[in-house]
Protein backbone atom coordinates (compact mmCIF):
# COMPACT_ATOMS: atom_id res chain seq x y z
CA MET A 1 -52.08 34.91 17.95
CA SER A 2 -51.55 33.55 21.33
CA SER A 3 -50.80 29.90 19.99
CA VAL A 4 -47.74 31.17 18.13
CA ILE A 5 -46.68 33.29 20.60
CA PHE A 6 -47.01 30.31 22.69
CA PHE A 7 -44.46 28.74 18.97
CA VAL A 8 -42.82 30.61 19.21
CA ILE A 9 -41.85 31.11 23.48
CA SER A 10 -41.64 27.11 23.80
CA PHE A 11 -38.94 27.18 20.30
CA LEU A 12 -37.07 29.61 22.17
CA ASN A 13 -36.65 27.69 25.31
CA LEU A 14 -35.99 24.04 23.47
CA LEU A 15 -33.66 26.33 21.40
CA ASN A 16 -32.11 27.80 24.89
CA THR A 17 -31.82 24.60 26.82
CA SER A 18 -30.33 22.51 24.34
CA CYS A 19 -27.21 24.88 24.07
CA SER A 20 -24.61 25.07 26.49
CA LYS A 21 -21.62 26.76 26.36
CA ASN A 22 -19.47 24.95 28.03
CA PRO A 23 -17.53 23.04 25.85
CA LYS A 24 -17.71 19.92 27.62
CA LYS A 25 -21.31 20.14 28.74
CA THR A 26 -23.49 18.58 26.07
CA GLY A 27 -26.54 20.42 26.60
CA LEU A 28 -30.41 18.95 26.88
CA GLN A 29 -30.30 15.89 24.52
CA PHE A 30 -33.73 16.12 22.93
CA PRO A 31 -34.60 13.67 21.74
CA TYR A 32 -31.86 11.02 20.48
CA PRO A 33 -29.29 10.94 22.82
CA ASN A 34 -27.35 8.65 21.69
CA MET A 35 -26.52 10.41 18.76
CA THR A 36 -23.82 12.34 20.35
CA GLU A 37 -22.18 9.84 22.94
CA SER A 38 -22.97 6.36 20.85
CA VAL A 39 -22.55 3.10 22.15
CA ALA A 40 -18.49 1.63 21.70
CA TYR A 41 -18.17 -1.51 21.02
CA GLU A 42 -14.97 -4.08 21.55
CA ALA A 43 -13.12 -5.13 18.69
CA TYR A 44 -15.11 -8.63 18.29
CA SER A 45 -17.23 -9.05 20.26
CA PRO A 46 -20.51 -10.36 20.13
CA ASN A 47 -22.85 -7.41 18.00
CA ASP A 48 -26.48 -7.93 17.29
CA LEU A 49 -26.99 -5.67 15.52
CA THR A 50 -24.20 -6.46 12.51
CA PRO A 51 -25.42 -9.51 10.48
CA HIS A 52 -22.69 -11.43 11.50
CA LYS A 53 -23.10 -10.64 14.78
CA SER A 54 -19.84 -9.21 15.62
CA SER A 55 -18.56 -6.05 16.21
CA MET A 56 -15.86 -6.14 13.06
CA ILE A 57 -16.91 -5.43 9.99
CA HIS A 58 -15.55 -7.51 7.22
CA SER A 59 -14.99 -5.20 4.02
CA PRO A 60 -17.16 -6.15 1.38
CA LYS A 61 -15.74 -9.35 -1.34
CA GLY A 62 -13.61 -7.67 -4.14
CA THR A 63 -12.41 -4.68 -2.50
CA VAL A 64 -8.88 -3.54 -2.13
CA ALA A 65 -7.21 -1.68 0.84
CA ARG A 66 -6.31 1.72 -0.51
CA GLY A 67 -2.91 1.88 -1.36
CA HIS A 68 -2.13 -2.31 -2.65
CA LEU A 69 -3.56 -3.49 -6.10
CA PRO A 70 -3.67 -7.12 -6.22
CA PHE A 71 -1.10 -9.73 -7.51
CA ALA A 72 -2.13 -12.73 -8.75
CA TYR A 73 1.29 -14.43 -8.61
CA PRO A 74 1.65 -16.18 -4.94
CA ALA A 75 5.35 -16.83 -3.74
CA GLY A 76 7.55 -20.17 -5.33
CA PHE A 77 9.56 -21.15 -7.87
CA ASP A 78 6.69 -21.45 -10.92
CA GLN A 79 5.11 -18.46 -9.47
CA ALA A 80 8.09 -16.61 -10.59
CA GLU A 81 8.64 -18.42 -13.55
CA LYS A 82 4.76 -18.41 -14.65
CA ALA A 83 5.13 -14.47 -13.73
CA GLY A 84 8.53 -13.54 -15.50
CA ARG A 85 6.14 -15.48 -18.99
CA GLU A 86 3.07 -13.26 -18.38
CA LEU A 87 3.77 -10.03 -16.55
CA SER A 88 5.52 -6.78 -18.51
CA SER A 89 6.72 -3.31 -17.10
CA PRO A 90 4.24 -0.35 -17.94
CA PHE A 91 6.27 1.86 -18.72
CA SER A 92 7.34 -0.71 -21.96
CA LYS A 93 4.58 1.22 -23.91
CA LEU A 94 7.14 4.69 -23.68
CA SER A 95 9.64 5.43 -25.73
CA SER A 96 13.25 4.85 -25.00
CA GLU A 97 13.21 8.91 -24.91
CA GLU A 98 10.56 8.53 -21.97
CA ARG A 99 12.03 6.01 -20.14
CA GLN A 100 15.98 7.85 -20.06
CA GLU A 101 14.30 11.15 -18.93
CA LYS A 102 11.00 9.91 -16.38
CA VAL A 103 11.39 6.58 -15.64
CA LEU A 104 15.55 5.85 -15.48
CA PRO A 105 16.68 8.71 -12.92
CA ARG A 106 13.62 7.78 -10.41
CA GLY A 107 14.53 3.36 -11.26
CA LYS A 108 17.89 4.01 -10.22
CA GLU A 109 17.31 6.54 -7.23
CA LEU A 110 15.09 3.25 -5.75
CA TYR A 111 18.61 1.03 -6.43
CA ASN A 112 20.50 3.23 -4.74
CA ASN A 113 17.98 3.02 -2.13
CA PHE A 114 17.61 -0.19 -1.48
CA CYS A 115 19.33 -2.44 -3.80
CA MET A 116 22.83 -0.81 -4.51
CA VAL A 117 24.04 -2.10 -0.31
CA CYS A 118 23.85 -5.73 -1.44
CA HIS A 119 23.95 -5.33 -5.10
CA GLY A 120 26.62 -3.26 -5.79
CA GLU A 121 26.36 0.03 -7.38
CA THR A 122 26.71 -0.90 -11.39
CA GLY A 123 24.37 -4.56 -10.20
CA LYS A 124 27.92 -7.00 -10.35
CA GLY A 125 27.29 -8.32 -6.49
CA ASP A 126 29.54 -6.24 -4.87
CA GLY A 127 27.93 -4.00 -2.71
CA PRO A 128 29.44 -2.79 0.39
CA VAL A 129 27.92 -5.39 2.92
CA VAL A 130 28.97 -7.82 0.94
CA PRO A 131 32.18 -8.92 2.94
CA ARG A 132 29.83 -9.37 5.85
CA TYR A 133 27.08 -11.39 4.01
CA PRO A 134 27.47 -13.96 1.04
CA GLY A 135 27.24 -12.70 -2.04
CA PRO A 136 24.73 -11.88 -4.09
CA PRO A 137 24.08 -12.69 -7.94
CA SER A 138 25.31 -10.14 -10.47
CA PHE A 139 23.13 -9.26 -12.81
CA LEU A 140 25.24 -9.17 -15.12
CA ASP A 141 25.15 -13.07 -15.41
CA ALA A 142 23.98 -14.86 -17.69
CA ARG A 143 20.88 -16.59 -16.25
CA LEU A 144 20.08 -13.23 -13.69
CA LYS A 145 20.49 -11.78 -17.90
CA GLY A 146 17.37 -14.38 -19.24
CA TYR A 147 15.32 -12.61 -16.41
CA SER A 148 12.41 -11.36 -17.78
CA GLN A 149 10.76 -8.28 -16.24
CA GLY A 150 7.68 -9.58 -14.52
CA ARG A 151 10.12 -11.97 -12.88
CA ILE A 152 13.02 -9.47 -11.53
CA PHE A 153 9.40 -7.82 -10.55
CA HIS A 154 8.40 -11.20 -8.95
CA VAL A 155 11.93 -12.01 -6.99
CA ILE A 156 11.46 -8.69 -5.77
CA THR A 157 8.29 -8.76 -4.49
CA TYR A 158 8.79 -12.50 -2.88
CA GLY A 159 12.31 -12.29 -2.18
CA HIS A 160 14.67 -15.41 -3.62
CA GLY A 161 17.29 -17.33 -2.04
CA LEU A 162 18.99 -15.63 1.32
CA MET A 163 17.04 -11.86 0.01
CA SER A 164 13.64 -11.52 1.58
CA SER A 165 10.31 -9.92 -0.74
CA TYR A 166 10.70 -6.60 -0.51
CA SER A 167 6.56 -5.76 -0.74
CA ALA A 168 6.36 -3.78 2.14
CA GLN A 169 9.48 -1.37 1.63
CA ILE A 170 9.11 -0.53 -1.74
CA LYS A 171 5.35 0.56 -3.26
CA GLN A 172 3.92 -1.99 -6.73
CA LYS A 173 5.44 1.32 -9.11
CA ASP A 174 8.33 2.29 -7.77
CA ARG A 175 9.49 -1.95 -8.12
CA TRP A 176 8.83 -1.54 -11.62
CA PHE A 177 11.30 1.54 -11.49
CA ILE A 178 13.56 -0.81 -10.05
CA THR A 179 13.11 -3.80 -12.80
CA GLU A 180 13.61 -1.03 -15.25
CA TYR A 181 16.95 0.37 -13.78
CA ILE A 182 18.50 -4.11 -13.44
CA LYS A 183 17.05 -3.86 -17.08
CA PHE A 184 19.55 -1.22 -17.86
CA LEU A 185 22.48 -2.24 -15.68
CA GLN A 186 22.00 -5.70 -17.60
CA ALA A 187 22.56 -4.15 -21.27
CA GLU A 188 24.80 -1.89 -20.51
């Protein structure tokens, strides 16, 4: 019986000394103090604990950052043509009614936010910045009407001529909405 009382008193004593009412004081750290106060390593500093001996841990091969989808067509004219042949809109399987109701309103909203200032409200290349900057091409020109959705998507992603890339400003899915809207403007 005395050994049970001794054990209970010892446990309560340990529990009492491990806790603290002061939030800045951690109390007794038994037996692993590094669990509450871990060692901070500088980025890129040597670290013998990792397999590649660096504090900066690399992503596993084949992983994709959240919110970013891989795009297999790098910048360049040849790649733009290849994208034009091989890519199509993920919305192409929708019915025309679904496109009218869901895709085109979103495409118009994004087009007005990002493209209208240069290409104009109807895609004629007559946006409000045109007097100050060289005129962008009209989407109604025969050459641009011949661009497929994949080619337009590639141009939005990487830019072309004086137009810079919009991949940092416009999400991949939203670029497809804009592509659909541009094709809608060309069909009118």
